[in-house]
Amino acid sequence: MAYKIDEGCIVCGTCFLECPVSAISEGDVTFSIDAKVCVECKGYFDEPNCAKVCPTEICVPEDDS
């Protein structure tokens, strides 16, 4: 299951800089995570790094809301 960026993104870019597989991109209003590319940081970190570094805690698993 991939991660997503919920509403509330403050466009700080922290997650973008930390993604090891470049699954995060900057859109017109907010950042987004490409579910086809996201590997939940498996093989890179012990936990999804975007969720770990996000100051607003809005990087969440896709099935959560």
PDB file of N, CA and C in Angstrom:
ATOM      1  N   MET A   1       0.845  -1.173   0.000  1.00  0.00           N
ATOM      2  CA  MET A   1       0.000   0.000   0.000  1.00  0.00           C
ATOM      3  C   MET A   1       0.896   1.244   0.000  1.00  0.00           C
ATOM      4  N   ALA A   2       0.599   2.168  -0.849  1.00  0.00           N
ATOM      5  CA  ALA A   2       1.365   3.398  -0.958  1.00  0.00           C
ATOM      6  C   ALA A   2       0.882   4.425   0.062  1.00  0.00           C
ATOM      7  N   TYR A   3       1.634   5.485   0.160  1.00  0.00           N
ATOM      8  CA  TYR A   3       1.241   6.600   1.016  1.00  0.00           C
ATOM      9  C   TYR A   3       0.657   7.710   0.162  1.00  0.00           C
ATOM     10  N   LYS A   4      -0.075   8.614   0.797  1.00  0.00           N
ATOM     11  CA  LYS A   4      -0.645   9.773   0.114  1.00  0.00           C
ATOM     12  C   LYS A   4      -0.460  10.990   0.998  1.00  0.00           C
ATOM     13  N   ILE A   5      -0.654  12.150   0.427  1.00  0.00           N
ATOM     14  CA  ILE A   5      -0.582  13.402   1.170  1.00  0.00           C
ATOM     15  C   ILE A   5      -1.990  13.963   1.268  1.00  0.00           C
ATOM     16  N   ASP A   6      -2.519  13.998   2.475  1.00  0.00           N
ATOM     17  CA  ASP A   6      -3.868  14.509   2.718  1.00  0.00           C
ATOM     18  C   ASP A   6      -3.904  16.028   2.652  1.00  0.00           C
ATOM     19  N   GLU A   7      -5.125  16.556   2.719  1.00  0.00           N
ATOM     20  CA  GLU A   7      -5.294  18.007   2.796  1.00  0.00           C
ATOM     21  C   GLU A   7      -4.564  18.523   4.027  1.00  0.00           C
ATOM     22  N   GLY A   8      -4.060  19.695   3.948  1.00  0.00           N
ATOM     23  CA  GLY A   8      -3.331  20.269   5.063  1.00  0.00           C
ATOM     24  C   GLY A   8      -1.856  20.415   4.773  1.00  0.00           C
ATOM     25  N   CYS A   9      -1.438  19.979   3.591  1.00  0.00           N
ATOM     26  CA  CYS A   9      -0.036  20.108   3.197  1.00  0.00           C
ATOM     27  C   CYS A   9       0.339  21.587   3.178  1.00  0.00           C
ATOM     28  N   ILE A  10       1.443  21.913   3.836  1.00  0.00           N
ATOM     29  CA  ILE A  10       1.891  23.314   3.888  1.00  0.00           C
ATOM     30  C   ILE A  10       2.970  23.594   2.844  1.00  0.00           C
ATOM     31  N   VAL A  11       3.194  22.657   1.945  1.00  0.00           N
ATOM     32  CA  VAL A  11       4.121  22.786   0.822  1.00  0.00           C
ATOM     33  C   VAL A  11       5.521  23.183   1.292  1.00  0.00           C
ATOM     34  N   CYS A  12       5.975  22.526   2.345  1.00  0.00           N
ATOM     35  CA  CYS A  12       7.313  22.832   2.871  1.00  0.00           C
ATOM     36  C   CYS A  12       8.409  22.119   2.086  1.00  0.00           C
ATOM     37  N   GLY A  13       8.061  21.013   1.410  1.00  0.00           N
ATOM     38  CA  GLY A  13       9.023  20.289   0.599  1.00  0.00           C
ATOM     39  C   GLY A  13       9.871  19.279   1.348  1.00  0.00           C
ATOM     40  N   THR A  14       9.655  19.135   2.634  1.00  0.00           N
ATOM     41  CA  THR A  14      10.462  18.205   3.424  1.00  0.00           C
ATOM     42  C   THR A  14      10.314  16.775   2.908  1.00  0.00           C
ATOM     43  N   CYS A  15       9.103  16.342   2.662  1.00  0.00           N
ATOM     44  CA  CYS A  15       8.876  14.977   2.176  1.00  0.00           C
ATOM     45  C   CYS A  15       9.519  14.763   0.811  1.00  0.00           C
ATOM     46  N   PHE A  16       9.397  15.734  -0.053  1.00  0.00           N
ATOM     47  CA  PHE A  16       9.965  15.670  -1.397  1.00  0.00           C
ATOM     48  C   PHE A  16      11.468  15.406  -1.350  1.00  0.00           C
ATOM     49  N   LEU A  17      12.142  16.097  -0.470  1.00  0.00           N
ATOM     50  CA  LEU A  17      13.595  15.964  -0.346  1.00  0.00           C
ATOM     51  C   LEU A  17      14.012  14.632   0.260  1.00  0.00           C
ATOM     52  N   GLU A  18      13.142  14.006   1.025  1.00  0.00           N
ATOM     53  CA  GLU A  18      13.481  12.779   1.753  1.00  0.00           C
ATOM     54  C   GLU A  18      13.072  11.487   1.054  1.00  0.00           C
ATOM     55  N   CYS A  19      12.290  11.548  -0.010  1.00  0.00           N
ATOM     56  CA  CYS A  19      11.813  10.337  -0.665  1.00  0.00           C
ATOM     57  C   CYS A  19      12.940   9.668  -1.451  1.00  0.00           C
ATOM     58  N   PRO A  20      13.278   8.412  -1.102  1.00  0.00           N
ATOM     59  CA  PRO A  20      14.405   7.738  -1.747  1.00  0.00           C
ATOM     60  C   PRO A  20      14.129   7.264  -3.173  1.00  0.00           C
ATOM     61  N   VAL A  21      12.849   7.223  -3.591  1.00  0.00           N
ATOM     62  CA  VAL A  21      12.517   6.739  -4.929  1.00  0.00           C
ATOM     63  C   VAL A  21      11.852   7.808  -5.800  1.00  0.00           C
ATOM     64  N   SER A  22      11.895   9.046  -5.364  1.00  0.00           N
ATOM     65  CA  SER A  22      11.322  10.182  -6.111  1.00  0.00           C
ATOM     66  C   SER A  22       9.850   9.971  -6.455  1.00  0.00           C
ATOM     67  N   ALA A  23       9.081   9.457  -5.507  1.00  0.00           N
ATOM     68  CA  ALA A  23       7.652   9.240  -5.713  1.00  0.00           C
ATOM     69  C   ALA A  23       6.833  10.495  -5.434  1.00  0.00           C
ATOM     70  N   ILE A  24       7.455  11.512  -4.851  1.00  0.00           N
ATOM     71  CA  ILE A  24       6.739  12.728  -4.466  1.00  0.00           C
ATOM     72  C   ILE A  24       7.055  13.832  -5.460  1.00  0.00           C
ATOM     73  N   SER A  25       5.999  14.515  -5.898  1.00  0.00           N
ATOM     74  CA  SER A  25       6.190  15.624  -6.830  1.00  0.00           C
ATOM     75  C   SER A  25       5.374  16.829  -6.370  1.00  0.00           C
ATOM     76  N   GLU A  26       5.802  17.987  -6.820  1.00  0.00           N
ATOM     77  CA  GLU A  26       5.108  19.219  -6.465  1.00  0.00           C
ATOM     78  C   GLU A  26       4.053  19.527  -7.510  1.00  0.00           C
ATOM     79  N   GLY A  27       2.818  19.711  -7.049  1.00  0.00           N
ATOM     80  CA  GLY A  27       1.726  20.077  -7.944  1.00  0.00           C
ATOM     81  C   GLY A  27       1.487  21.567  -7.901  1.00  0.00           C
ATOM     82  N   ASP A  28       0.359  22.000  -8.420  1.00  0.00           N
ATOM     83  CA  ASP A  28       0.019  23.420  -8.434  1.00  0.00           C
ATOM     84  C   ASP A  28      -0.226  23.969  -7.035  1.00  0.00           C
ATOM     85  N   VAL A  29      -0.854  23.149  -6.183  1.00  0.00           N
ATOM     86  CA  VAL A  29      -1.255  23.615  -4.863  1.00  0.00           C
ATOM     87  C   VAL A  29      -0.543  22.880  -3.729  1.00  0.00           C
ATOM     88  N   THR A  30      -0.187  21.648  -3.943  1.00  0.00           N
ATOM     89  CA  THR A  30       0.376  20.817  -2.890  1.00  0.00           C
ATOM     90  C   THR A  30       1.304  19.770  -3.489  1.00  0.00           C
ATOM     91  N   PHE A  31       1.930  18.991  -2.656  1.00  0.00           N
ATOM     92  CA  PHE A  31       2.741  17.873  -3.116  1.00  0.00           C
ATOM     93  C   PHE A  31       1.844  16.646  -3.231  1.00  0.00           C
ATOM     94  N   SER A  32       2.248  15.678  -4.044  1.00  0.00           N
ATOM     95  CA  SER A  32       1.495  14.438  -4.154  1.00  0.00           C
ATOM     96  C   SER A  32       2.461  13.265  -4.277  1.00  0.00           C
ATOM     97  N   ILE A  33       1.966  12.086  -3.931  1.00  0.00           N
ATOM     98  CA  ILE A  33       2.764  10.866  -3.980  1.00  0.00           C
ATOM     99  C   ILE A  33       2.205   9.966  -5.072  1.00  0.00           C
ATOM    100  N   ASP A  34       3.061   9.523  -5.975  1.00  0.00           N
ATOM    101  CA  ASP A  34       2.670   8.604  -7.035  1.00  0.00           C
ATOM    102  C   ASP A  34       2.613   7.193  -6.449  1.00  0.00           C
ATOM    103  N   ALA A  35       1.413   6.653  -6.333  1.00  0.00           N
ATOM    104  CA  ALA A  35       1.207   5.343  -5.713  1.00  0.00           C
ATOM    105  C   ALA A  35       1.921   4.225  -6.470  1.00  0.00           C
ATOM    106  N   LYS A  36       2.136   4.408  -7.757  1.00  0.00           N
ATOM    107  CA  LYS A  36       2.807   3.385  -8.559  1.00  0.00           C
ATOM    108  C   LYS A  36       4.306   3.347  -8.285  1.00  0.00           C
ATOM    109  N   VAL A  37       4.849   4.427  -7.735  1.00  0.00           N
ATOM    110  CA  VAL A  37       6.285   4.526  -7.469  1.00  0.00           C
ATOM    111  C   VAL A  37       6.605   4.317  -5.992  1.00  0.00           C
ATOM    112  N   CYS A  38       5.692   4.712  -5.118  1.00  0.00           N
ATOM    113  CA  CYS A  38       5.911   4.627  -3.668  1.00  0.00           C
ATOM    114  C   CYS A  38       6.151   3.184  -3.225  1.00  0.00           C
ATOM    115  N   VAL A  39       7.223   2.980  -2.485  1.00  0.00           N
ATOM    116  CA  VAL A  39       7.552   1.653  -1.943  1.00  0.00           C
ATOM    117  C   VAL A  39       7.506   1.650  -0.412  1.00  0.00           C
ATOM    118  N   GLU A  40       6.909   2.690   0.167  1.00  0.00           N
ATOM    119  CA  GLU A  40       6.824   2.851   1.624  1.00  0.00           C
ATOM    120  C   GLU A  40       8.205   2.802   2.268  1.00  0.00           C
ATOM    121  N   CYS A  41       9.214   3.151   1.511  1.00  0.00           N
ATOM    122  CA  CYS A  41      10.613   3.203   1.958  1.00  0.00           C
ATOM    123  C   CYS A  41      11.189   1.840   2.315  1.00  0.00           C
ATOM    124  N   LYS A  42      10.498   0.763   1.910  1.00  0.00           N
ATOM    125  CA  LYS A  42      11.007  -0.582   2.178  1.00  0.00           C
ATOM    126  C   LYS A  42      12.344  -0.754   1.470  1.00  0.00           C
ATOM    127  N   GLY A  43      13.330  -1.202   2.220  1.00  0.00           N
ATOM    128  CA  GLY A  43      14.674  -1.362   1.690  1.00  0.00           C
ATOM    129  C   GLY A  43      15.527  -0.114   1.839  1.00  0.00           C
ATOM    130  N   TYR A  44      14.933   0.978   2.312  1.00  0.00           N
ATOM    131  CA  TYR A  44      15.647   2.239   2.500  1.00  0.00           C
ATOM    132  C   TYR A  44      15.634   2.695   3.956  1.00  0.00           C
ATOM    133  N   PHE A  45      14.440   2.656   4.572  1.00  0.00           N
ATOM    134  CA  PHE A  45      14.261   3.112   5.950  1.00  0.00           C
ATOM    135  C   PHE A  45      13.382   2.119   6.698  1.00  0.00           C
ATOM    136  N   ASP A  46      13.369   2.197   8.021  1.00  0.00           N
ATOM    137  CA  ASP A  46      12.561   1.304   8.846  1.00  0.00           C
ATOM    138  C   ASP A  46      11.072   1.643   8.800  1.00  0.00           C
ATOM    139  N   GLU A  47      10.752   2.857   8.399  1.00  0.00           N
ATOM    140  CA  GLU A  47       9.370   3.311   8.304  1.00  0.00           C
ATOM    141  C   GLU A  47       9.280   4.312   7.162  1.00  0.00           C
ATOM    142  N   PRO A  48       8.071   4.593   6.651  1.00  0.00           N
ATOM    143  CA  PRO A  48       7.944   5.562   5.572  1.00  0.00           C
ATOM    144  C   PRO A  48       8.520   6.924   5.988  1.00  0.00           C
ATOM    145  N   ASN A  49       9.525   7.349   5.279  1.00  0.00           N
ATOM    146  CA  ASN A  49      10.240   8.561   5.656  1.00  0.00           C
ATOM    147  C   ASN A  49       9.398   9.825   5.494  1.00  0.00           C
ATOM    148  N   CYS A  50       8.504   9.854   4.519  1.00  0.00           N
ATOM    149  CA  CYS A  50       7.672  11.047   4.331  1.00  0.00           C
ATOM    150  C   CYS A  50       6.825  11.295   5.582  1.00  0.00           C
ATOM    151  N   ALA A  51       6.256  10.218   6.124  1.00  0.00           N
ATOM    152  CA  ALA A  51       5.434  10.343   7.333  1.00  0.00           C
ATOM    153  C   ALA A  51       6.278  10.749   8.533  1.00  0.00           C
ATOM    154  N   LYS A  52       7.488  10.239   8.578  1.00  0.00           N
ATOM    155  CA  LYS A  52       8.377  10.533   9.703  1.00  0.00           C
ATOM    156  C   LYS A  52       8.787  12.005   9.740  1.00  0.00           C
ATOM    157  N   VAL A  53       9.052  12.599   8.578  1.00  0.00           N
ATOM    158  CA  VAL A  53       9.578  13.963   8.543  1.00  0.00           C
ATOM    159  C   VAL A  53       8.509  15.038   8.372  1.00  0.00           C
ATOM    160  N   CYS A  54       7.286  14.656   8.047  1.00  0.00           N
ATOM    161  CA  CYS A  54       6.229  15.650   7.787  1.00  0.00           C
ATOM    162  C   CYS A  54       5.853  16.416   9.063  1.00  0.00           C
ATOM    163  N   PRO A  55       5.998  17.744   9.047  1.00  0.00           N
ATOM    164  CA  PRO A  55       5.672  18.527  10.246  1.00  0.00           C
ATOM    165  C   PRO A  55       4.173  18.608  10.542  1.00  0.00           C
ATOM    166  N   THR A  56       3.339  18.327   9.546  1.00  0.00           N
ATOM    167  CA  THR A  56       1.895  18.395   9.771  1.00  0.00           C
ATOM    168  C   THR A  56       1.247  17.014   9.867  1.00  0.00           C
ATOM    169  N   GLU A  57       2.055  15.966   9.769  1.00  0.00           N
ATOM    170  CA  GLU A  57       1.596  14.587   9.906  1.00  0.00           C
ATOM    171  C   GLU A  57       0.474  14.227   8.942  1.00  0.00           C
ATOM    172  N   ILE A  58       0.571  14.688   7.682  1.00  0.00           N
ATOM    173  CA  ILE A  58      -0.482  14.397   6.705  1.00  0.00           C
ATOM    174  C   ILE A  58      -0.054  13.385   5.642  1.00  0.00           C
ATOM    175  N   CYS A  59       1.126  12.821   5.773  1.00  0.00           N
ATOM    176  CA  CYS A  59       1.537  11.714   4.905  1.00  0.00           C
ATOM    177  C   CYS A  59       1.033  10.440   5.565  1.00  0.00           C
ATOM    178  N   VAL A  60       0.029   9.827   4.946  1.00  0.00           N
ATOM    179  CA  VAL A  60      -0.657   8.688   5.557  1.00  0.00           C
ATOM    180  C   VAL A  60      -0.813   7.560   4.543  1.00  0.00           C
ATOM    181  N   PRO A  61      -1.037   6.330   5.023  1.00  0.00           N
ATOM    182  CA  PRO A  61      -1.316   5.229   4.084  1.00  0.00           C
ATOM    183  C   PRO A  61      -2.547   5.547   3.234  1.00  0.00           C
ATOM    184  N   GLU A  62      -2.555   5.104   1.988  1.00  0.00           N
ATOM    185  CA  GLU A  62      -3.635   5.417   1.059  1.00  0.00           C
ATOM    186  C   GLU A  62      -5.017   5.046   1.564  1.00  0.00           C
ATOM    187  N   ASP A  63      -5.164   3.955   2.277  1.00  0.00           N
ATOM    188  CA  ASP A  63      -6.503   3.540   2.710  1.00  0.00           C
ATOM    189  C   ASP A  63      -6.980   4.285   3.949  1.00  0.00           C
ATOM    190  N   ASP A  64      -6.120   5.098   4.595  1.00  0.00           N
ATOM    191  CA  ASP A  64      -6.540   5.913   5.735  1.00  0.00           C
ATOM    192  C   ASP A  64      -7.057   7.259   5.222  1.00  0.00           C
ATOM    193  N   SER A  65      -7.900   7.877   6.008  1.00  0.00           N
ATOM    194  CA  SER A  65      -8.383   9.210   5.633  1.00  0.00           C
ATOM    195  C   SER A  65      -8.298  10.162   6.773  1.00  0.00           C
TER     196      SER A  65
END
